[in-house]
C-alpha atoms as a PDB file:
ATOM      1  CA  MET A   1      65.010 148.661 112.768  1.00  0.00           C
ATOM      2  CA  PRO A   2      61.494 147.729 113.937  1.00  0.00           C
ATOM      3  CA  LYS A   3      58.799 150.368 113.807  1.00  0.00           C
ATOM      4  CA  GLN A   4      58.373 152.208 117.080  1.00  0.00           C
ATOM      5  CA  ILE A   5      54.807 152.176 118.399  1.00  0.00           C
ATOM      6  CA  PRO A   6      53.979 155.203 120.613  1.00  0.00           C
ATOM      7  CA  LEU A   7      51.424 153.365 122.724  1.00  0.00           C
ATOM      8  CA  ALA A   8      51.313 149.735 123.832  1.00  0.00           C
ATOM      9  CA  TYR A   9      47.674 148.726 123.658  1.00  0.00           C
ATOM     10  CA  GLY A  10      46.331 145.853 125.704  1.00  0.00           C
ATOM     11  CA  GLY A  11      43.121 143.949 126.055  1.00  0.00           C
ATOM     12  CA  GLN A  12      41.393 140.816 127.230  1.00  0.00           C
ATOM     13  CA  ALA A  13      38.944 138.242 125.959  1.00  0.00           C
ATOM     14  CA  VAL A  14      35.386 138.371 127.292  1.00  0.00           C
ATOM     15  CA  ILE A  15      32.330 136.201 126.651  1.00  0.00           C
ATOM     16  CA  GLU A  16      31.820 136.202 122.859  1.00  0.00           C
ATOM     17  CA  GLY A  17      33.969 139.277 122.445  1.00  0.00           C
ATOM     18  CA  VAL A  18      37.116 141.280 123.088  1.00  0.00           C
ATOM     19  CA  MET A  19      37.956 144.324 125.193  1.00  0.00           C
ATOM     20  CA  PHE A  20      40.737 146.775 124.291  1.00  0.00           C
ATOM     21  CA  GLY A  21      42.069 149.583 126.454  1.00  0.00           C
ATOM     22  CA  GLY A  22      43.414 152.848 125.074  1.00  0.00           C
ATOM     23  CA  ARG A  23      44.654 156.120 126.485  1.00  0.00           C
ATOM     24  CA  LYS A  24      41.202 157.556 127.247  1.00  0.00           C
ATOM     25  CA  TYR A  25      38.704 154.752 126.669  1.00  0.00           C
ATOM     26  CA  SER A  26      38.292 151.030 127.011  1.00  0.00           C
ATOM     27  CA  VAL A  27      35.907 149.313 124.592  1.00  0.00           C
ATOM     28  CA  THR A  28      34.300 145.889 124.433  1.00  0.00           C
ATOM     29  CA  ALA A  29      32.709 144.477 121.298  1.00  0.00           C
ATOM     30  CA  VAL A  30      30.587 141.319 121.510  1.00  0.00           C
ATOM     31  CA  ARG A  31      28.990 139.206 118.808  1.00  0.00           C
ATOM     32  CA  ARG A  32      25.228 138.809 119.107  1.00  0.00           C
ATOM     33  CA  LYS A  33      23.326 135.763 117.852  1.00  0.00           C
ATOM     34  CA  ASP A  34      21.996 137.760 114.882  1.00  0.00           C
ATOM     35  CA  ASN A  35      25.680 138.336 113.907  1.00  0.00           C
ATOM     36  CA  SER A  36      25.548 142.035 114.775  1.00  0.00           C
ATOM     37  CA  ILE A  37      28.227 143.541 117.014  1.00  0.00           C
ATOM     38  CA  GLU A  38      27.317 145.440 120.156  1.00  0.00           C
ATOM     39  CA  TYR A  39      29.676 147.801 121.987  1.00  0.00           C
ATOM     40  CA  TYR A  40      30.286 148.932 125.525  1.00  0.00           C
ATOM     41  CA  HIS A  41      32.798 151.616 126.451  1.00  0.00           C
ATOM     42  CA  GLU A  42      34.151 153.240 129.595  1.00  0.00           C
ATOM     43  CA  GLU A  43      35.998 156.535 129.746  1.00  0.00           C
ATOM     44  CA  LYS A  44      39.133 156.382 131.857  1.00  0.00           C
ATOM     45  CA  THR A  45      39.133 158.772 134.788  1.00  0.00           C
ATOM     46  CA  GLU A  46      42.327 158.730 136.802  1.00  0.00           C
ATOM     47  CA  SER A  47      43.408 161.200 139.445  1.00  0.00           C
ATOM     48  CA  PRO A  48      46.831 162.860 139.127  1.00  0.00           C
ATOM     49  CA  TRP A  49      48.295 160.772 141.968  1.00  0.00           C
ATOM     50  CA  VAL A  50      47.288 157.535 140.199  1.00  0.00           C
ATOM     51  CA  LYS A  51      48.979 158.692 137.001  1.00  0.00           C
ATOM     52  CA  THR A  52      52.079 159.524 139.050  1.00  0.00           C
ATOM     53  CA  LEU A  53      52.144 156.074 140.663  1.00  0.00           C
ATOM     54  CA  LYS A  54      51.836 154.450 137.235  1.00  0.00           C
ATOM     55  CA  ARG A  55      55.137 156.044 136.243  1.00  0.00           C
ATOM     56  CA  ILE A  56      57.101 154.670 139.214  1.00  0.00           C
ATOM     57  CA  PRO A  57      58.925 151.380 138.485  1.00  0.00           C
ATOM     58  CA  PHE A  58      57.878 148.378 140.615  1.00  0.00           C
ATOM     59  CA  ILE A  59      54.884 150.306 141.972  1.00  0.00           C
ATOM     60  CA  ARG A  60      53.232 150.847 138.586  1.00  0.00           C
ATOM     61  CA  GLY A  61      52.639 147.125 138.133  1.00  0.00           C
ATOM     62  CA  ILE A  62      50.622 146.858 141.349  1.00  0.00           C
ATOM     63  CA  VAL A  63      48.595 149.992 140.607  1.00  0.00           C
ATOM     64  CA  GLY A  64      48.001 148.893 137.031  1.00  0.00           C
ATOM     65  CA  LEU A  65      46.692 145.491 138.113  1.00  0.00           C
ATOM     66  CA  ILE A  66      44.242 146.998 140.587  1.00  0.00           C
ATOM     67  CA  PHE A  67      42.726 149.394 138.076  1.00  0.00           C
ATOM     68  CA  ALA A  68      42.808 146.881 135.223  1.00  0.00           C
ATOM     69  CA  SER A  69      40.919 144.438 137.430  1.00  0.00           C
ATOM     70  CA  ALA A  70      38.237 147.001 138.286  1.00  0.00           C
ATOM     71  CA  ASN A  71      37.841 148.047 134.661  1.00  0.00           C
ATOM     72  CA  GLY A  72      37.901 144.487 133.359  1.00  0.00           C
ATOM     73  CA  ALA A  73      35.140 143.475 135.754  1.00  0.00           C
ATOM     74  CA  LYS A  74      32.770 146.024 134.173  1.00  0.00           C
ATOM     75  CA  HIS A  75      33.440 144.746 130.660  1.00  0.00           C
ATOM     76  CA  LEU A  76      33.188 141.143 131.791  1.00  0.00           C
ATOM     77  CA  ASN A  77      29.831 141.861 133.408  1.00  0.00           C
ATOM     78  CA  PHE A  78      28.569 143.486 130.187  1.00  0.00           C
ATOM     79  CA  SER A  79      29.524 140.505 128.017  1.00  0.00           C
ATOM     80  CA  THR A  80      28.171 137.999 130.532  1.00  0.00           C
ATOM     81  CA  GLU A  81      24.817 139.774 130.761  1.00  0.00           C
ATOM     82  CA  LYS A  82      24.500 139.874 126.965  1.00  0.00           C
ATOM     83  CA  TYR A  83      25.302 136.184 126.773  1.00  0.00           C
ATOM     84  CA  GLU A  84      22.808 135.293 129.483  1.00  0.00           C
ATOM     85  CA  VAL A  85      20.016 137.294 127.846  1.00  0.00           C
ATOM     86  CA  GLU A  86      20.550 135.632 124.476  1.00  0.00           C
ATOM     87  CA  SER A  87      20.946 132.212 126.020  1.00  0.00           C
ATOM     88  CA  GLY A  88      17.619 132.694 127.775  1.00  0.00           C
ATOM     89  CA  GLU A  89      15.984 133.565 124.477  1.00  0.00           C
ATOM     90  CA  GLN A  90      17.451 130.632 122.606  1.00  0.00           C
ATOM     91  CA  GLU A  91      17.675 127.807 125.150  1.00  0.00           C
ATOM     92  CA  SER A  92      14.633 126.166 126.682  1.00  0.00           C
ATOM     93  CA  ASP A  93      16.629 123.998 129.094  1.00  0.00           C
ATOM     94  CA  PRO A  94      18.443 126.220 131.635  1.00  0.00           C
ATOM     95  CA  THR A  95      20.497 123.256 132.860  1.00  0.00           C
ATOM     96  CA  GLN A  96      22.378 123.297 129.541  1.00  0.00           C
ATOM     97  CA  LYS A  97      23.519 126.889 129.995  1.00  0.00           C
ATOM     98  CA  PRO A  98      26.890 127.438 131.702  1.00  0.00           C
ATOM     99  CA  SER A  99      26.494 129.227 135.021  1.00  0.00           C
ATOM    100  CA  LYS A 100      27.596 132.821 135.420  1.00  0.00           C
ATOM    101  CA  LEU A 101      30.247 131.660 137.897  1.00  0.00           C
ATOM    102  CA  THR A 102      31.673 129.219 135.349  1.00  0.00           C
ATOM    103  CA  MET A 103      31.918 131.914 132.694  1.00  0.00           C
ATOM    104  CA  ILE A 104      33.579 134.387 135.042  1.00  0.00           C
ATOM    105  CA  LEU A 105      36.117 131.797 136.193  1.00  0.00           C
ATOM    106  CA  GLY A 106      36.942 131.046 132.584  1.00  0.00           C
ATOM    107  CA  VAL A 107      37.591 134.678 131.723  1.00  0.00           C
ATOM    108  CA  ALA A 108      39.629 135.014 134.898  1.00  0.00           C
ATOM    109  CA  ALA A 109      41.979 132.305 133.631  1.00  0.00           C
ATOM    110  CA  VAL A 110      43.320 134.542 130.854  1.00  0.00           C
ATOM    111  CA  GLY A 111      43.266 138.029 132.384  1.00  0.00           C
ATOM    112  CA  VAL A 112      44.525 139.947 135.330  1.00  0.00           C
ATOM    113  CA  LEU A 113      41.481 138.857 137.308  1.00  0.00           C
ATOM    114  CA  SER A 114      42.924 135.357 137.500  1.00  0.00           C
ATOM    115  CA  PHE A 115      46.009 136.778 139.155  1.00  0.00           C
ATOM    116  CA  LEU A 116      44.131 138.917 141.648  1.00  0.00           C
ATOM    117  CA  PHE A 117      41.646 136.231 142.674  1.00  0.00           C
ATOM    118  CA  GLY A 118      43.898 133.192 142.408  1.00  0.00           C
ATOM    119  CA  LYS A 119      47.305 134.426 143.538  1.00  0.00           C
ATOM    120  CA  LEU A 120      46.660 133.801 147.213  1.00  0.00           C
ATOM    121  CA  MET A 121      45.700 130.194 146.551  1.00  0.00           C
ATOM    122  CA  PHE A 122      48.655 129.640 144.229  1.00  0.00           C
ATOM    123  CA  THR A 123      50.909 131.165 146.877  1.00  0.00           C
ATOM    124  CA  VAL A 124      49.762 129.545 150.103  1.00  0.00           C
ATOM    125  CA  VAL A 125      48.767 126.034 148.975  1.00  0.00           C
ATOM    126  CA  PRO A 126      52.063 125.182 147.194  1.00  0.00           C
ATOM    127  CA  ALA A 127      54.016 126.490 150.197  1.00  0.00           C
ATOM    128  CA  ILE A 128      52.067 124.168 152.483  1.00  0.00           C
ATOM    129  CA  LEU A 129      52.457 121.191 150.144  1.00  0.00           C
ATOM    130  CA  ALA A 130      56.182 121.752 149.705  1.00  0.00           C
ATOM    131  CA  SER A 131      56.644 121.877 153.480  1.00  0.00           C
ATOM    132  CA  VAL A 132      54.388 118.944 154.368  1.00  0.00           C
ATOM    133  CA  LEU A 133      55.429 116.596 151.565  1.00  0.00           C
ATOM    134  CA  PHE A 134      59.108 117.416 151.087  1.00  0.00           C
ATOM    135  CA  GLN A 135      60.397 118.996 154.293  1.00  0.00           C
ATOM    136  CA  HIS A 136      61.627 115.633 155.621  1.00  0.00           C
ATOM    137  CA  LEU A 137      63.476 115.005 152.347  1.00  0.00           C
ATOM    138  CA  VAL A 138      64.774 118.498 151.556  1.00  0.00           C
ATOM    139  CA  SER A 139      65.513 120.926 154.372  1.00  0.00           C
ATOM    140  CA  ASN A 140      67.455 123.524 152.371  1.00  0.00           C
ATOM    141  CA  ASN A 141      65.307 126.645 151.953  1.00  0.00           C
ATOM    142  CA  ILE A 142      66.450 127.381 148.406  1.00  0.00           C
ATOM    143  CA  LEU A 143      65.666 123.861 147.248  1.00  0.00           C
ATOM    144  CA  GLN A 144      62.341 124.079 149.041  1.00  0.00           C
ATOM    145  CA  ASN A 145      61.605 127.288 147.105  1.00  0.00           C
ATOM    146  CA  LEU A 146      62.370 125.501 143.837  1.00  0.00           C
ATOM    147  CA  ILE A 147      60.017 122.663 144.751  1.00  0.00           C
ATOM    148  CA  GLU A 148      57.349 125.182 145.703  1.00  0.00           C
ATOM    149  CA  GLY A 149      57.789 126.945 142.359  1.00  0.00           C
ATOM    150  CA  ALA A 150      57.494 123.636 140.502  1.00  0.00           C
ATOM    151  CA  ILE A 151      54.242 122.853 142.327  1.00  0.00           C
ATOM    152  CA  LYS A 152      52.886 126.279 141.358  1.00  0.00           C
ATOM    153  CA  ILE A 153      53.732 125.720 137.699  1.00  0.00           C
ATOM    154  CA  VAL A 154      52.021 122.327 137.742  1.00  0.00           C
ATOM    155  CA  PHE A 155      48.943 123.873 139.407  1.00  0.00           C
ATOM    156  CA  LEU A 156      48.823 126.749 136.917  1.00  0.00           C
ATOM    157  CA  PHE A 157      49.249 124.684 133.759  1.00  0.00           C
ATOM    158  CA  GLY A 158      46.991 121.937 135.093  1.00  0.00           C
ATOM    159  CA  TYR A 159      44.177 124.329 135.979  1.00  0.00           C
ATOM    160  CA  ILE A 160      44.211 126.044 132.585  1.00  0.00           C
ATOM    161  CA  TYR A 161      44.528 122.730 130.717  1.00  0.00           C
ATOM    162  CA  ALA A 162      41.489 121.378 132.581  1.00  0.00           C
ATOM    163  CA  ILE A 163      39.150 124.326 131.976  1.00  0.00           C
ATOM    164  CA  ALA A 164      40.288 124.588 128.342  1.00  0.00           C
ATOM    165  CA  LYS A 165      38.445 121.317 127.678  1.00  0.00           C
ATOM    166  CA  THR A 166      35.022 122.963 128.009  1.00  0.00           C
ATOM    167  CA  PRO A 167      33.374 124.402 124.847  1.00  0.00           C
ATOM    168  CA  MET A 168      32.772 127.794 126.487  1.00  0.00           C
ATOM    169  CA  ILE A 169      36.418 128.257 127.428  1.00  0.00           C
ATOM    170  CA  LYS A 170      37.634 127.037 124.047  1.00  0.00           C
ATOM    171  CA  ARG A 171      35.699 129.875 122.430  1.00  0.00           C
ATOM    172  CA  LEU A 172      36.994 132.296 125.031  1.00  0.00           C
ATOM    173  CA  PHE A 173      40.555 131.262 124.199  1.00  0.00           C
ATOM    174  CA  GLN A 174      39.815 131.812 120.501  1.00  0.00           C
ATOM    175  CA  TYR A 175      38.835 135.393 121.276  1.00  0.00           C
ATOM    176  CA  HIS A 176      42.024 135.678 123.318  1.00  0.00           C
ATOM    177  CA  GLY A 177      43.933 134.597 120.219  1.00  0.00           C
ATOM    178  CA  ALA A 178      42.030 137.142 118.119  1.00  0.00           C
ATOM    179  CA  GLU A 179      42.985 139.895 120.573  1.00  0.00           C
ATOM    180  CA  HIS A 180      46.674 139.029 120.237  1.00  0.00           C
ATOM    181  CA  LYS A 181      46.481 138.808 116.463  1.00  0.00           C
ATOM    182  CA  VAL A 182      45.021 142.314 116.246  1.00  0.00           C
ATOM    183  CA  ILE A 183      47.708 143.797 118.511  1.00  0.00           C
ATOM    184  CA  ASN A 184      50.458 141.983 116.577  1.00  0.00           C
ATOM    185  CA  ALA A 185      49.054 143.234 113.278  1.00  0.00           C
ATOM    186  CA  TYR A 186      48.762 146.795 114.567  1.00  0.00           C
ATOM    187  CA  GLU A 187      52.314 146.765 115.903  1.00  0.00           C
ATOM    188  CA  ALA A 188      53.514 145.472 112.533  1.00  0.00           C
ATOM    189  CA  GLY A 189      51.903 148.485 110.871  1.00  0.00           C
ATOM    190  CA  VAL A 190      49.578 146.596 108.516  1.00  0.00           C
ATOM    191  CA  GLU A 191      45.994 147.461 107.652  1.00  0.00           C
ATOM    192  CA  LEU A 192      43.590 145.808 110.066  1.00  0.00           C
ATOM    193  CA  THR A 193      41.585 143.580 107.770  1.00  0.00           C
ATOM    194  CA  VAL A 194      40.489 140.065 108.678  1.00  0.00           C
ATOM    195  CA  GLN A 195      42.784 138.573 106.049  1.00  0.00           C
ATOM    196  CA  ASN A 196      45.822 140.551 107.241  1.00  0.00           C
ATOM    197  CA  VAL A 197      45.187 139.940 110.944  1.00  0.00           C
ATOM    198  CA  GLN A 198      44.774 136.185 110.488  1.00  0.00           C
ATOM    199  CA  ARG A 199      48.377 135.963 109.257  1.00  0.00           C
ATOM    200  CA  PHE A 200      49.732 136.915 112.682  1.00  0.00           C
ATOM    201  CA  SER A 201      50.493 134.841 115.757  1.00  0.00           C
ATOM    202  CA  THR A 202      48.108 134.253 118.656  1.00  0.00           C
ATOM    203  CA  LEU A 203      51.053 134.762 121.050  1.00  0.00           C
ATOM    204  CA  HIS A 204      52.292 138.074 122.462  1.00  0.00           C
ATOM    205  CA  TYR A 205      55.101 138.872 124.875  1.00  0.00           C
ATOM    206  CA  ARG A 206      53.039 141.395 126.858  1.00  0.00           C
ATOM    207  CA  CYS A 207      50.153 139.042 127.685  1.00  0.00           C
ATOM    208  CA  GLY A 208      48.754 138.631 131.188  1.00  0.00           C
ATOM    209  CA  SER A 209      49.280 134.880 130.881  1.00  0.00           C
ATOM    210  CA  SER A 210      53.017 135.534 130.661  1.00  0.00           C
ATOM    211  CA  PHE A 211      52.723 137.686 133.756  1.00  0.00           C
ATOM    212  CA  LEU A 212      51.369 134.721 135.702  1.00  0.00           C
ATOM    213  CA  VAL A 213      54.367 132.581 134.767  1.00  0.00           C
ATOM    214  CA  PHE A 214      56.843 135.325 135.628  1.00  0.00           C
ATOM    215  CA  SER A 215      55.203 135.810 139.021  1.00  0.00           C
ATOM    216  CA  VAL A 216      56.043 132.184 139.818  1.00  0.00           C
ATOM    217  CA  LEU A 217      59.638 132.388 138.563  1.00  0.00           C
ATOM    218  CA  VAL A 218      60.289 135.758 140.197  1.00  0.00           C
ATOM    219  CA  GLY A 219      58.786 134.480 143.436  1.00  0.00           C
ATOM    220  CA  VAL A 220      61.315 131.637 143.613  1.00  0.00           C
ATOM    221  CA  ILE A 221      64.150 134.192 143.408  1.00  0.00           C
ATOM    222  CA  VAL A 222      62.639 136.762 145.791  1.00  0.00           C
ATOM    223  CA  TYR A 223      61.769 134.170 148.457  1.00  0.00           C
ATOM    224  CA  SER A 224      65.339 132.850 148.391  1.00  0.00           C
ATOM    225  CA  PHE A 225      66.560 136.054 150.059  1.00  0.00           C
ATOM    226  CA  PHE A 226      64.465 135.411 153.164  1.00  0.00           C
ATOM    227  CA  HIS A 227      64.971 132.694 155.750  1.00  0.00           C
ATOM    228  CA  TYR A 228      62.140 130.916 157.558  1.00  0.00           C
ATOM    229  CA  ASP A 229      62.071 128.271 160.271  1.00  0.00           C
ATOM    230  CA  THR A 230      58.414 127.252 160.428  1.00  0.00           C
ATOM    231  CA  LEU A 231      55.579 126.722 158.003  1.00  0.00           C
ATOM    232  CA  TRP A 232      53.721 129.734 159.388  1.00  0.00           C
ATOM    233  CA  GLN A 233      56.750 131.950 158.855  1.00  0.00           C
ATOM    234  CA  ARG A 234      56.913 130.688 155.306  1.00  0.00           C
ATOM    235  CA  ILE A 235      53.251 131.508 154.665  1.00  0.00           C
ATOM    236  CA  TYR A 236      53.505 134.958 156.286  1.00  0.00           C
ATOM    237  CA  GLN A 237      56.553 135.739 154.154  1.00  0.00           C
ATOM    238  CA  ARG A 238      54.790 134.730 150.950  1.00  0.00           C
ATOM    239  CA  ILE A 239      51.784 136.924 151.694  1.00  0.00           C
ATOM    240  CA  PHE A 240      53.897 139.866 152.870  1.00  0.00           C
ATOM    241  CA  LEU A 241      56.152 139.678 149.795  1.00  0.00           C
ATOM    242  CA  LEU A 242      53.301 139.467 147.279  1.00  0.00           C
ATOM    243  CA  PRO A 243      53.508 143.184 146.357  1.00  0.00           C
ATOM    244  CA  VAL A 244      57.259 142.805 145.766  1.00  0.00           C
ATOM    245  CA  VAL A 245      56.733 139.777 143.537  1.00  0.00           C
ATOM    246  CA  ILE A 246      53.986 141.558 141.599  1.00  0.00           C
ATOM    247  CA  GLY A 247      56.102 144.667 141.077  1.00  0.00           C
ATOM    248  CA  VAL A 248      59.200 142.776 139.935  1.00  0.00           C
ATOM    249  CA  SER A 249      57.149 140.433 137.729  1.00  0.00           C
ATOM    250  CA  TYR A 250      55.592 143.383 135.930  1.00  0.00           C
ATOM    251  CA  GLU A 251      58.995 144.931 135.236  1.00  0.00           C
ATOM    252  CA  THR A 252      60.253 141.544 134.021  1.00  0.00           C
ATOM    253  CA  LEU A 253      57.319 141.285 131.632  1.00  0.00           C
ATOM    254  CA  GLN A 254      58.011 144.758 130.253  1.00  0.00           C
ATOM    255  CA  ALA A 255      61.707 143.953 129.847  1.00  0.00           C
ATOM    256  CA  THR A 256      61.069 140.743 127.895  1.00  0.00           C
ATOM    257  CA  ASN A 257      58.708 142.660 125.605  1.00  0.00           C
ATOM    258  CA  LYS A 258      61.423 145.227 124.847  1.00  0.00           C
ATOM    259  CA  LEU A 259      63.979 142.468 124.180  1.00  0.00           C
ATOM    260  CA  ARG A 260      61.759 140.309 121.980  1.00  0.00           C
ATOM    261  CA  ASN A 261      63.456 141.437 118.740  1.00  0.00           C
ATOM    262  CA  ILE A 262      66.955 140.565 119.984  1.00  0.00           C
ATOM    263  CA  PRO A 263      67.674 136.967 118.857  1.00  0.00           C
ATOM    264  CA  VAL A 264      69.480 135.739 121.987  1.00  0.00           C
ATOM    265  CA  LEU A 265      67.510 137.637 124.630  1.00  0.00           C
ATOM    266  CA  ARG A 266      64.072 136.925 123.175  1.00  0.00           C
ATOM    267  CA  ILE A 267      64.180 133.481 124.816  1.00  0.00           C
ATOM    268  CA  LEU A 268      63.620 135.181 128.181  1.00  0.00           C
ATOM    269  CA  GLY A 269      59.971 135.539 127.255  1.00  0.00           C
ATOM    270  CA  TYR A 270      59.500 131.921 126.172  1.00  0.00           C
ATOM    271  CA  PRO A 271      58.052 130.636 129.493  1.00  0.00           C
ATOM    272  CA  GLY A 272      55.124 133.012 129.143  1.00  0.00           C
ATOM    273  CA  LEU A 273      54.624 132.098 125.491  1.00  0.00           C
ATOM    274  CA  TRP A 274      54.465 128.416 126.436  1.00  0.00           C
ATOM    275  CA  LEU A 275      51.544 129.110 128.760  1.00  0.00           C
ATOM    276  CA  GLN A 276      49.842 131.141 126.030  1.00  0.00           C
ATOM    277  CA  LYS A 277      49.787 128.021 123.879  1.00  0.00           C
ATOM    278  CA  LEU A 278      47.158 126.834 126.372  1.00  0.00           C
ATOM    279  CA  THR A 279      45.307 130.135 126.854  1.00  0.00           C
ATOM    280  CA  THR A 280      44.945 131.015 123.154  1.00  0.00           C
ATOM    281  CA  ARG A 281      43.416 129.214 120.179  1.00  0.00           C
ATOM    282  CA  GLU A 282      43.238 130.052 116.489  1.00  0.00           C
ATOM    283  CA  PRO A 283      40.135 132.232 115.992  1.00  0.00           C
ATOM    284  CA  ASP A 284      37.766 132.078 113.053  1.00  0.00           C
ATOM    285  CA  ASP A 285      37.190 135.060 110.780  1.00  0.00           C
ATOM    286  CA  MET A 286      34.068 136.229 112.617  1.00  0.00           C
ATOM    287  CA  GLN A 287      35.915 136.314 115.934  1.00  0.00           C
ATOM    288  CA  VAL A 288      38.770 138.298 114.370  1.00  0.00           C
ATOM    289  CA  GLU A 289      36.182 140.667 112.937  1.00  0.00           C
ATOM    290  CA  VAL A 290      34.863 141.340 116.441  1.00  0.00           C
ATOM    291  CA  ALA A 291      38.382 141.983 117.769  1.00  0.00           C
ATOM    292  CA  ILE A 292      39.114 144.426 114.931  1.00  0.00           C
ATOM    293  CA  ALA A 293      35.822 146.230 115.551  1.00  0.00           C
ATOM    294  CA  SER A 294      36.637 146.624 119.240  1.00  0.00           C
ATOM    295  CA  PHE A 295      40.130 147.920 118.511  1.00  0.00           C
ATOM    296  CA  MET A 296      38.960 150.375 115.866  1.00  0.00           C
ATOM    297  CA  ARG A 297      36.137 151.713 118.032  1.00  0.00           C
ATOM    298  CA  MET A 298      38.598 152.206 120.914  1.00  0.00           C
ATOM    299  CA  ARG A 299      41.003 154.166 118.692  1.00  0.00           C
ATOM    300  CA  GLN A 300      38.190 156.297 117.288  1.00  0.00           C
ATOM    301  CA  LEU A 301      37.036 157.229 120.775  1.00  0.00           C
ATOM    302  CA  ASP A 302      40.624 157.944 121.855  1.00  0.00           C
ATOM    303  CA  GLU A 303      41.022 160.312 118.917  1.00  0.00           C
ATOM    304  CA  GLY A 304      37.656 161.994 119.558  1.00  0.00           C
ATOM    305  CA  ASN A 305      36.251 160.815 116.233  1.00  0.00           C
ATOM    306  CA  THR A 306      32.662 159.879 117.099  1.00  0.00           C
ATOM    307  CA  ASP A 307      31.060 160.978 113.800  1.00  0.00           C
ATOM    308  CA  CYS A 308      31.999 157.929 111.723  1.00  0.00           C
ATOM    309  CA  MET A 309      32.050 155.009 114.125  1.00  0.00           C
ATOM    310  CA  VAL A 310      33.000 151.659 112.683  1.00  0.00           C
ATOM    311  CA  SER A 311      30.003 149.382 112.178  1.00  0.00           C
ATOM    312  CA  ILE A 312      30.511 145.753 111.233  1.00  0.00           C
ATOM    313  CA  GLY A 313      27.803 143.099 110.979  1.00  0.00           C
END
């Protein structure tokens, strides 16, 4: 029987670092150019009604995304500012430095921010294309929904494949892989050393990338229960049903994570893992070291142990 973990930790890659969220704190660790590691942490402050909403199925996914987005933006801003400062010190030609917008878009591709900022585009544009390009060939609403879903998948994979070609995003995806390796190692109950962590996979069933894929697949099913006659009705329905799709997609993600150790049912999570093959890369030892430092600092803060903080580099 697999070891039961009392708390499912999560995180995200940031510019030259990793953020992990715990019960009380979220911590980002970033690698500086002198090889030292700098930290940023935020204490979680949630009102009782927010905690209540996070326990309600289908609603908790929406609430979680909103607060994860707000928290992630702070950590992303910290890592971006550190990168910009060091780039300014080291680079004489500012045209060679990636813009802040480019870096933020890259991080958004692998976290919940990508869903919150990009979902509207990935919802409305495919619906329009499916109607304009295929309505005269396929009039059945269910088949139209399948075509729309296929267009979304092509958009999603194509977008991530394209940005993954840039050096900045390749490094970001390495940190994403390091984040997953640390969580996998922790959940396996091994000591978090660089050597141990490197043995684990860069893929994880609970990743936000998987959530993006499930939102497309769940959307095809949810939209099939509603009839539309015009393109505008179709667009209104998609926007109106977004909270439903988000809520069901979150529950689907949680279910596939719980079933991942059952041989037959584990395949339910494969679509998300396929996308993660694009959004993660094998990290080097220094990147894994940063991810471990972030995770350990987060756990120390959660446990109130601030006297012997981990210091690496």
